[in-house]
Amino acid sequence: MRRSIAISLSPNCEKDDISLALKLLFSPFSWFDFRQTEGLENDFKKLFGSNYQFLAVDSGRSALYLILKALGISEGDEVLLQGFTCVAVPNSVIWTGAKPVYVDVDKNFNIDIGKIKEKITEKTKAIIVQHSFGIPVDIQKVRRVVRNKRIVIIEDCALSLGAENKGKKVGTLGDISFFSFGRDKVISSVFGGMILSKNKKIYEKLKQERYDLNYPSAFWLIQQLLHPIFFSLILLTYNLGFGKLTIGKMSLFLLQSFNILSKAVSEDEKKGKKPKRFLRKMPGALAVLARNQLRKLEKFNRRRRNISNYYFSALKIKDLQLPVKIKGSIYMRFPILSSRSIQIFRCMKRQGILFGDWYKAPVVPVYDLSLVEYQPLTCRNAEKYSRTILNIPTNPTMTLTDAKEVVRLIKLCLNTK
């Protein structure tokens, strides 16, 4: 029985991560050990250099919200962001009282630098620059556009840890940045986030804000520690059964329905509301998981690049539009465009290969785009891409044989009417 290849179901989880989660589950004395959280921050300092300060929190969304708050962004202010993003980004802006202003994207699925200037007003206080799918933005070009306007450049590195632009690591190119360690990110601790700050004054404000936060509950932490354990079993049995009634699918449904496993995005967030469990310190147990994954960062990204290079050579097919090959990218997901994206997505799912369809709307996941103040036709490229995009997995747990099987099945699906 083949283990399912899924872009969002703990794609980084290896045997050592599972055994570590199991060990932590039965070591409650270590759950809130702040020394491990500080250890993770020090690990990042070793990776990026001593010129930067680091602050770990419970999620990427919390990291962004704290950054906006530390910058003094509030009601009446405007923050620019791209119209091809996760709901957590505009939500964080809205929760400060500020207004998200959407900028369209370019052919790299990143913010269109040529369209930034027309969106700037005297109310613009910051711009969030997202490195989509691990494809880096040329921040220097962004900086030239906002020069002399007192606009802070915030790098969204949720999908790009380890990527580079012109030899410099993403996260060090703007004024301040944040990373995410969500279950399907570059490295995963189920939940977790990190702030990188160059400005010591801002860092001290952030540190005080973090000091005042509470830890999440022990029950919530148990949910996260169970995640890699249960998902290792879910993936093994995801296709074991008949049609939609498989052991893996039913197990996932029941575990989430009974609140044994958490979801990546809460129902409140999909409605544009601030969730009850939001803005917490990062527990030591999750920091341990993140540290274990961080040790494998170079290996993970090397595997992603190798698989992506294979896709670039093997997917030169009439019905598919491949991404632009950008030096320094890690291709945490390999985005392609096709007028037959829905057909391919469903066909691959039947074969046990779960592609991602982010971003199937300019902002996802949200019940109504108006909840995040997005108006139709604001970002025409983003809307066009959202109708045709597919994310092909580059999971570090995949082998080149797996990638070849993915390509074979894509071709099979394209020949299926």
Protein backbone atom coordinates (compact mmCIF):
# COMPACT_ATOMS: atom_id res chain seq x y z
CA MET A 1 0.00 0.00 0.00
CA ARG A 2 1.48 3.35 -1.09
CA ARG A 3 1.59 6.24 1.36
CA SER A 4 -0.50 9.10 0.01
CA ILE A 5 1.29 12.16 -1.33
CA ALA A 6 -0.51 15.17 0.11
CA ILE A 7 0.57 18.79 -0.09
CA SER A 8 -1.16 19.85 3.13
CA LEU A 9 -1.34 16.76 5.37
CA SER A 10 1.91 17.06 7.38
CA PRO A 11 4.09 16.84 4.22
CA ASN A 12 7.38 17.27 6.18
CA CYS A 13 6.74 14.67 8.85
CA GLU A 14 9.42 11.99 9.11
CA LYS A 15 9.88 9.10 11.53
CA ASP A 16 12.04 11.12 13.91
CA ASP A 17 9.39 13.86 14.07
CA ILE A 18 6.72 11.32 14.95
CA SER A 19 8.80 9.65 17.67
CA LEU A 20 9.74 13.08 19.07
CA ALA A 21 6.06 14.13 19.25
CA LEU A 22 5.23 10.87 21.01
CA LYS A 23 8.06 11.40 23.51
CA LEU A 24 6.91 14.97 24.20
CA LEU A 25 3.32 13.86 24.65
CA PHE A 26 4.40 11.80 27.66
CA SER A 27 6.75 14.49 29.02
CA PRO A 28 4.34 17.17 30.30
CA PHE A 29 7.07 18.79 32.43
CA SER A 30 8.66 20.00 29.16
CA TRP A 31 5.52 21.35 27.50
CA PHE A 32 6.03 24.96 28.57
CA ASP A 33 9.80 24.97 28.96
CA PHE A 34 10.71 28.48 27.79
CA ARG A 35 14.37 27.48 27.45
CA GLN A 36 13.42 25.51 24.34
CA THR A 37 11.66 28.56 22.89
CA GLU A 38 14.80 30.63 23.51
CA GLY A 39 16.81 27.78 21.99
CA LEU A 40 14.79 28.04 18.78
CA GLU A 41 15.43 31.79 18.68
CA ASN A 42 19.16 31.15 19.09
CA ASP A 43 19.04 28.54 16.30
CA PHE A 44 17.62 31.22 14.01
CA LYS A 45 20.33 33.64 15.10
CA LYS A 46 22.95 31.08 14.07
CA LEU A 47 21.23 30.71 10.70
CA PHE A 48 20.77 34.42 9.96
CA GLY A 49 23.55 36.07 11.96
CA SER A 50 23.92 38.05 15.17
CA ASN A 51 22.83 41.33 13.54
CA TYR A 52 19.20 40.27 13.88
CA GLN A 53 16.90 39.71 16.83
CA PHE A 54 14.36 36.87 16.93
CA LEU A 55 11.12 36.35 18.79
CA ALA A 56 9.07 33.12 18.70
CA VAL A 57 5.28 33.06 19.10
CA ASP A 58 2.49 30.56 18.54
CA SER A 59 1.83 31.26 14.84
CA GLY A 60 2.73 33.32 11.79
CA ARG A 61 -0.51 35.28 12.11
CA SER A 62 0.36 36.22 15.69
CA ALA A 63 3.82 37.28 14.51
CA LEU A 64 2.36 39.57 11.85
CA TYR A 65 -0.23 41.06 14.20
CA LEU A 66 2.43 41.83 16.81
CA ILE A 67 4.63 43.46 14.16
CA LEU A 68 1.79 45.69 13.00
CA LYS A 69 0.97 46.61 16.59
CA ALA A 70 4.62 47.37 17.44
CA LEU A 71 4.81 49.65 14.38
CA GLY A 72 1.88 51.61 15.77
CA ILE A 73 -0.44 50.75 12.89
CA SER A 74 -4.04 51.39 13.89
CA GLU A 75 -7.40 52.80 12.82
CA GLY A 76 -7.19 55.12 9.81
CA ASP A 77 -3.94 53.61 8.51
CA GLU A 78 -3.55 51.58 5.32
CA VAL A 79 -1.37 48.54 4.70
CA LEU A 80 -0.58 47.30 1.18
CA LEU A 81 -0.58 43.56 0.51
CA GLN A 82 -0.96 41.35 -2.51
CA GLY A 83 -4.27 39.97 -3.70
CA PHE A 84 -3.17 36.34 -3.72
CA THR A 85 -2.72 35.46 -0.09
CA CYS A 86 -3.91 33.65 3.04
CA VAL A 87 -6.78 35.12 5.03
CA ALA A 88 -4.42 35.41 8.03
CA VAL A 89 -2.66 38.36 6.36
CA PRO A 90 -5.57 40.78 5.77
CA ASN A 91 -7.19 39.59 9.02
CA SER A 92 -4.12 40.70 10.99
CA VAL A 93 -4.34 44.13 9.36
CA ILE A 94 -8.08 44.44 10.01
CA TRP A 95 -7.70 43.41 13.66
CA THR A 96 -5.44 46.44 14.25
CA GLY A 97 -8.20 48.70 12.89
CA ALA A 98 -6.23 49.47 9.72
CA LYS A 99 -7.42 48.95 6.14
CA PRO A 100 -5.90 46.30 3.83
CA VAL A 101 -5.23 47.68 0.33
CA TYR A 102 -4.77 44.97 -2.29
CA VAL A 103 -2.16 45.09 -5.06
CA ASP A 104 -2.31 42.70 -8.02
CA VAL A 105 0.31 40.01 -8.64
CA ASP A 106 2.80 39.38 -11.45
CA LYS A 107 3.65 36.19 -13.37
CA ASN A 108 5.66 34.94 -10.34
CA PHE A 109 2.51 35.03 -8.14
CA ASN A 110 4.17 37.80 -6.13
CA ILE A 111 3.17 41.42 -5.67
CA ASP A 112 3.41 43.36 -8.94
CA ILE A 113 6.04 45.96 -8.08
CA GLY A 114 4.94 48.12 -11.01
CA LYS A 115 1.48 48.52 -9.47
CA ILE A 116 2.52 49.46 -5.95
CA LYS A 117 2.94 53.19 -6.54
CA GLU A 118 -0.68 53.70 -7.68
CA LYS A 119 -1.95 52.21 -4.41
CA ILE A 120 0.11 54.42 -2.09
CA THR A 121 -1.68 57.25 -0.26
CA GLU A 122 -0.76 59.49 2.63
CA LYS A 123 -2.41 56.88 4.88
CA THR A 124 -0.09 54.07 3.76
CA LYS A 125 2.09 52.99 6.68
CA ALA A 126 3.41 49.58 5.61
CA ILE A 127 3.59 47.08 2.77
CA ILE A 128 3.57 43.32 3.33
CA VAL A 129 5.71 41.61 0.69
CA GLN A 130 4.96 37.89 0.36
CA HIS A 131 7.43 35.45 -1.20
CA SER A 132 4.74 33.20 -2.70
CA PHE A 133 5.49 29.45 -2.82
CA GLY A 134 9.09 30.18 -1.84
CA ILE A 135 9.71 32.34 -4.94
CA PRO A 136 11.60 35.46 -3.74
CA VAL A 137 10.60 39.03 -4.49
CA ASP A 138 13.29 41.56 -5.45
CA ILE A 139 12.87 43.69 -2.32
CA GLN A 140 15.36 46.29 -3.56
CA LYS A 141 12.94 47.18 -6.35
CA VAL A 142 10.13 47.51 -3.80
CA ARG A 143 12.35 49.72 -1.67
CA ARG A 144 12.98 52.06 -4.60
CA VAL A 145 9.23 52.49 -5.09
CA VAL A 146 8.51 53.35 -1.44
CA ARG A 147 11.71 55.36 -0.90
CA ASN A 148 11.26 58.60 1.10
CA LYS A 149 7.66 57.70 1.95
CA ARG A 150 8.20 56.30 5.47
CA ILE A 151 6.56 53.03 4.52
CA VAL A 152 7.78 49.98 6.43
CA ILE A 153 8.52 46.86 4.34
CA ILE A 154 7.31 43.71 6.13
CA GLU A 155 8.49 40.45 4.59
CA ASP A 156 6.02 37.56 4.68
CA CYS A 157 8.34 34.55 4.70
CA ALA A 158 5.71 31.98 5.70
CA LEU A 159 6.47 29.88 2.61
CA SER A 160 10.08 30.81 1.96
CA LEU A 161 12.46 29.96 4.82
CA GLY A 162 15.82 29.31 3.18
CA ALA A 163 15.06 31.08 -0.09
CA GLU A 164 17.45 33.79 -1.32
CA ASN A 165 17.45 36.83 -3.56
CA LYS A 166 20.78 37.83 -5.07
CA GLY A 167 22.62 35.74 -2.49
CA LYS A 168 20.81 37.23 0.53
CA LYS A 169 18.35 35.29 2.67
CA VAL A 170 14.71 36.29 2.49
CA GLY A 171 13.71 37.81 5.79
CA THR A 172 16.78 40.05 5.84
CA LEU A 173 15.81 42.16 2.82
CA GLY A 174 12.98 44.28 4.22
CA ASP A 175 12.67 46.22 7.48
CA ILE A 176 11.14 43.41 9.53
CA SER A 177 9.91 39.91 8.70
CA PHE A 178 8.06 36.87 9.98
CA PHE A 179 8.05 33.12 9.39
CA SER A 180 5.49 30.39 10.00
CA PHE A 181 5.96 26.81 11.18
CA GLY A 182 2.43 25.65 10.38
CA ARG A 183 1.72 22.03 9.52
CA ASP A 184 2.32 22.55 5.79
CA LYS A 185 5.08 25.15 5.84
CA VAL A 186 8.83 24.91 5.02
CA ILE A 187 9.50 23.48 8.47
CA SER A 188 6.60 22.33 10.61
CA SER A 189 5.76 22.27 14.30
CA VAL A 190 1.99 22.19 13.59
CA PHE A 191 1.70 25.76 14.90
CA GLY A 192 4.42 28.33 15.44
CA GLY A 193 5.90 31.56 14.15
CA MET A 194 9.05 33.69 14.33
CA ILE A 195 9.72 37.41 14.03
CA LEU A 196 13.03 38.71 12.65
CA SER A 197 13.83 42.31 13.57
CA LYS A 198 16.74 44.53 12.61
CA ASN A 199 15.51 47.40 14.77
CA LYS A 200 16.39 46.90 18.46
CA LYS A 201 13.82 49.45 19.61
CA ILE A 202 11.03 47.61 17.79
CA TYR A 203 12.39 44.31 19.09
CA GLU A 204 12.17 45.53 22.70
CA LYS A 205 8.55 46.57 22.13
CA LEU A 206 7.80 43.17 20.65
CA LYS A 207 9.57 41.41 23.51
CA GLN A 208 7.42 43.26 26.05
CA GLU A 209 4.26 42.41 24.09
CA ARG A 210 5.29 38.74 24.04
CA TYR A 211 6.07 38.83 27.79
CA ASP A 212 2.48 39.87 28.50
CA LEU A 213 1.00 36.98 26.51
CA ASN A 214 -0.35 33.77 28.01
CA TYR A 215 0.55 30.26 26.95
CA PRO A 216 -2.06 28.22 25.08
CA SER A 217 -3.92 25.61 27.13
CA ALA A 218 -2.52 22.15 27.83
CA PHE A 219 -5.45 20.64 25.90
CA TRP A 220 -4.58 22.70 22.80
CA LEU A 221 -0.95 21.64 23.07
CA ILE A 222 -1.95 17.97 23.29
CA GLN A 223 -3.95 18.44 20.06
CA GLN A 224 -0.83 19.67 18.29
CA LEU A 225 1.43 16.90 19.63
CA LEU A 226 -1.12 14.32 18.45
CA HIS A 227 -1.08 15.81 14.96
CA PRO A 228 2.11 14.22 13.53
CA ILE A 229 1.29 10.93 15.27
CA PHE A 230 -2.23 10.60 13.88
CA PHE A 231 -1.38 11.97 10.44
CA SER A 232 1.31 9.35 9.93
CA LEU A 233 -1.48 6.79 10.22
CA ILE A 234 -4.03 8.82 8.24
CA LEU A 235 -1.70 9.12 5.26
CA LEU A 236 -1.05 5.38 5.27
CA THR A 237 -4.77 4.61 5.17
CA TYR A 238 -6.04 7.63 3.25
CA ASN A 239 -6.91 5.56 0.16
CA LEU A 240 -7.67 2.28 1.94
CA GLY A 241 -11.37 1.64 1.31
CA PHE A 242 -13.95 2.33 -1.36
CA GLY A 243 -14.31 5.70 -3.09
CA LYS A 244 -14.72 8.46 -0.52
CA LEU A 245 -15.29 5.96 2.28
CA THR A 246 -11.70 5.21 3.24
CA ILE A 247 -10.19 4.61 6.65
CA GLY A 248 -7.92 7.64 6.41
CA LYS A 249 -10.59 10.10 5.28
CA MET A 250 -13.11 8.93 7.87
CA SER A 251 -10.46 9.01 10.61
CA LEU A 252 -9.51 12.59 9.73
CA PHE A 253 -13.16 13.68 9.65
CA LEU A 254 -13.94 12.11 13.03
CA LEU A 255 -10.76 13.32 14.75
CA GLN A 256 -11.42 16.91 13.67
CA SER A 257 -15.18 16.69 14.35
CA PHE A 258 -14.54 15.58 17.94
CA ASN A 259 -11.88 18.28 18.33
CA ILE A 260 -9.09 15.77 18.89
CA LEU A 261 -7.13 17.33 16.02
CA SER A 262 -7.14 21.07 15.34
CA LYS A 263 -7.61 22.75 11.98
CA ALA A 264 -5.06 25.09 10.42
CA VAL A 265 -7.58 27.93 10.04
CA SER A 266 -10.48 28.38 12.45
CA GLU A 267 -14.08 29.03 11.45
CA ASP A 268 -13.86 32.50 13.03
CA GLU A 269 -10.91 33.41 10.82
CA LYS A 270 -12.81 32.33 7.72
CA LYS A 271 -15.45 34.87 8.76
CA GLY A 272 -12.86 37.61 9.29
CA LYS A 273 -13.18 37.40 13.08
CA LYS A 274 -10.40 37.13 15.63
CA PRO A 275 -10.40 33.58 17.05
CA LYS A 276 -10.69 33.06 20.80
CA ARG A 277 -7.38 31.21 20.91
CA PHE A 278 -5.14 33.81 19.34
CA LEU A 279 -1.89 35.53 20.24
CA ARG A 280 -0.03 33.21 22.60
CA LYS A 281 3.53 32.40 23.56
CA MET A 282 5.16 29.50 21.77
CA PRO A 283 5.19 26.43 24.06
CA GLY A 284 8.52 24.72 24.59
CA ALA A 285 7.19 21.42 23.21
CA LEU A 286 6.41 22.97 19.82
CA ALA A 287 9.78 24.73 19.85
CA VAL A 288 11.39 21.29 20.22
CA LEU A 289 9.52 20.07 17.12
CA ALA A 290 10.53 23.19 15.18
CA ARG A 291 14.18 22.85 16.21
CA ASN A 292 14.24 19.27 14.98
CA GLN A 293 12.84 20.35 11.63
CA LEU A 294 15.20 23.33 11.38
CA ARG A 295 18.16 20.94 11.53
CA LYS A 296 16.81 19.40 8.33
CA LEU A 297 16.13 22.70 6.53
CA GLU A 298 18.99 22.43 4.03
CA LYS A 299 18.13 18.81 3.23
CA PHE A 300 14.43 19.65 2.86
CA ASN A 301 15.02 22.57 0.51
CA ARG A 302 17.57 20.66 -1.54
CA ARG A 303 14.93 17.96 -2.07
CA ARG A 304 12.33 20.59 -3.04
CA ARG A 305 14.68 22.15 -5.58
CA ASN A 306 15.61 18.77 -7.06
CA ILE A 307 11.98 17.76 -7.46
CA SER A 308 11.12 21.17 -8.93
CA ASN A 309 13.96 20.90 -11.44
CA TYR A 310 12.53 17.56 -12.52
CA TYR A 311 9.06 19.11 -12.94
CA PHE A 312 10.56 21.92 -15.04
CA SER A 313 12.01 19.38 -17.44
CA ALA A 314 9.22 16.78 -17.39
CA LEU A 315 6.09 18.97 -17.45
CA LYS A 316 6.64 20.81 -20.72
CA ILE A 317 3.11 20.00 -21.81
CA LYS A 318 0.79 22.03 -24.02
CA ASP A 319 -2.00 22.34 -21.45
CA LEU A 320 0.25 23.44 -18.57
CA GLN A 321 1.88 26.79 -17.82
CA LEU A 322 4.90 26.36 -15.56
CA PRO A 323 6.21 29.00 -13.15
CA VAL A 324 9.15 31.19 -14.09
CA LYS A 325 12.42 29.64 -12.97
CA ILE A 326 13.85 32.07 -10.42
CA LYS A 327 17.30 31.63 -8.87
CA GLY A 328 17.18 31.28 -5.09
CA SER A 329 13.64 29.86 -5.02
CA ILE A 330 12.86 26.85 -2.86
CA TYR A 331 9.49 26.04 -4.53
CA MET A 332 7.81 24.92 -1.33
CA ARG A 333 4.96 24.25 -3.72
CA PHE A 334 5.30 24.04 -7.49
CA PRO A 335 2.49 26.21 -8.93
CA ILE A 336 1.19 25.53 -12.43
CA LEU A 337 -1.69 27.02 -14.40
CA SER A 338 -4.10 25.04 -16.55
CA SER A 339 -7.54 25.63 -18.01
CA ARG A 340 -8.20 22.03 -16.94
CA SER A 341 -7.07 22.50 -13.34
CA ILE A 342 -10.30 21.21 -11.79
CA GLN A 343 -10.22 18.08 -13.96
CA ILE A 344 -6.57 17.42 -13.04
CA PHE A 345 -7.18 18.09 -9.33
CA ARG A 346 -10.09 15.64 -9.12
CA CYS A 347 -8.37 13.02 -11.26
CA MET A 348 -5.20 13.12 -9.15
CA LYS A 349 -7.24 12.89 -5.96
CA ARG A 350 -8.78 9.66 -7.24
CA GLN A 351 -5.23 8.38 -7.73
CA GLY A 352 -4.31 9.20 -4.13
CA ILE A 353 -2.27 12.34 -4.95
CA LEU A 354 -3.62 15.41 -3.14
CA PHE A 355 -2.65 18.61 -4.93
CA GLY A 356 -3.11 22.01 -3.35
CA ASP A 357 -5.49 24.55 -4.85
CA TRP A 358 -4.25 27.61 -2.95
CA TYR A 359 -5.05 30.21 -4.00
CA LYS A 360 -8.44 29.31 -5.51
CA ALA A 361 -9.55 32.87 -4.68
CA PRO A 362 -7.59 36.10 -4.20
CA VAL A 363 -7.82 35.50 -0.42
CA VAL A 364 -8.25 32.02 1.10
CA PRO A 365 -9.91 30.51 3.00
CA VAL A 366 -12.73 32.97 3.62
CA TYR A 367 -16.49 32.61 3.27
CA ASP A 368 -16.94 35.97 1.57
CA LEU A 369 -14.19 38.21 0.18
CA SER A 370 -16.03 41.29 1.44
CA LEU A 371 -15.23 40.12 4.99
CA VAL A 372 -11.58 40.94 4.31
CA GLU A 373 -12.44 44.12 2.39
CA TYR A 374 -11.60 42.70 -1.03
CA GLN A 375 -13.71 43.99 -3.91
CA PRO A 376 -14.18 42.04 -7.18
CA LEU A 377 -11.84 43.00 -10.07
CA THR A 378 -9.39 44.72 -7.71
CA CYS A 379 -6.64 42.26 -8.68
CA ARG A 380 -7.41 40.85 -12.13
CA ASN A 381 -4.32 38.66 -12.42
CA ALA A 382 -4.90 37.15 -9.00
CA GLU A 383 -8.50 36.38 -9.93
CA LYS A 384 -7.45 34.86 -13.27
CA TYR A 385 -4.77 32.70 -11.66
CA SER A 386 -7.14 31.56 -8.92
CA ARG A 387 -9.37 29.94 -11.56
CA THR A 388 -6.56 27.88 -13.08
CA ILE A 389 -3.89 27.24 -10.42
CA LEU A 390 -2.69 23.91 -9.06
CA ASN A 391 0.06 23.37 -6.48
CA ILE A 392 2.10 20.26 -7.26
CA PRO A 393 3.79 18.72 -4.20
CA THR A 394 7.52 19.06 -3.63
CA ASN A 395 7.34 17.48 -0.18
CA PRO A 396 10.74 16.63 1.34
CA THR A 397 9.37 13.17 2.17
CA MET A 398 8.93 12.50 -1.57
CA THR A 399 11.50 10.67 -3.67
CA LEU A 400 12.34 11.30 -7.32
CA THR A 401 10.39 8.10 -8.05
CA ASP A 402 7.35 9.73 -6.39
CA ALA A 403 7.82 12.83 -8.55
CA LYS A 404 8.00 10.70 -11.69
CA GLU A 405 4.76 9.00 -10.66
CA VAL A 406 3.13 12.42 -10.15
CA VAL A 407 4.16 13.46 -13.68
CA ARG A 408 2.95 10.17 -15.16
CA LEU A 409 -0.45 10.58 -13.51
CA ILE A 410 -0.78 14.23 -14.58
CA LYS A 411 -0.27 13.15 -18.19
CA LEU A 412 -2.80 10.37 -17.68
CA CYS A 413 -5.31 12.83 -16.25
CA LEU A 414 -4.84 15.23 -19.16
CA ASN A 415 -5.73 12.43 -21.54
CA THR A 416 -8.88 11.61 -19.56
CA LYS A 417 -12.05 13.22 -20.84
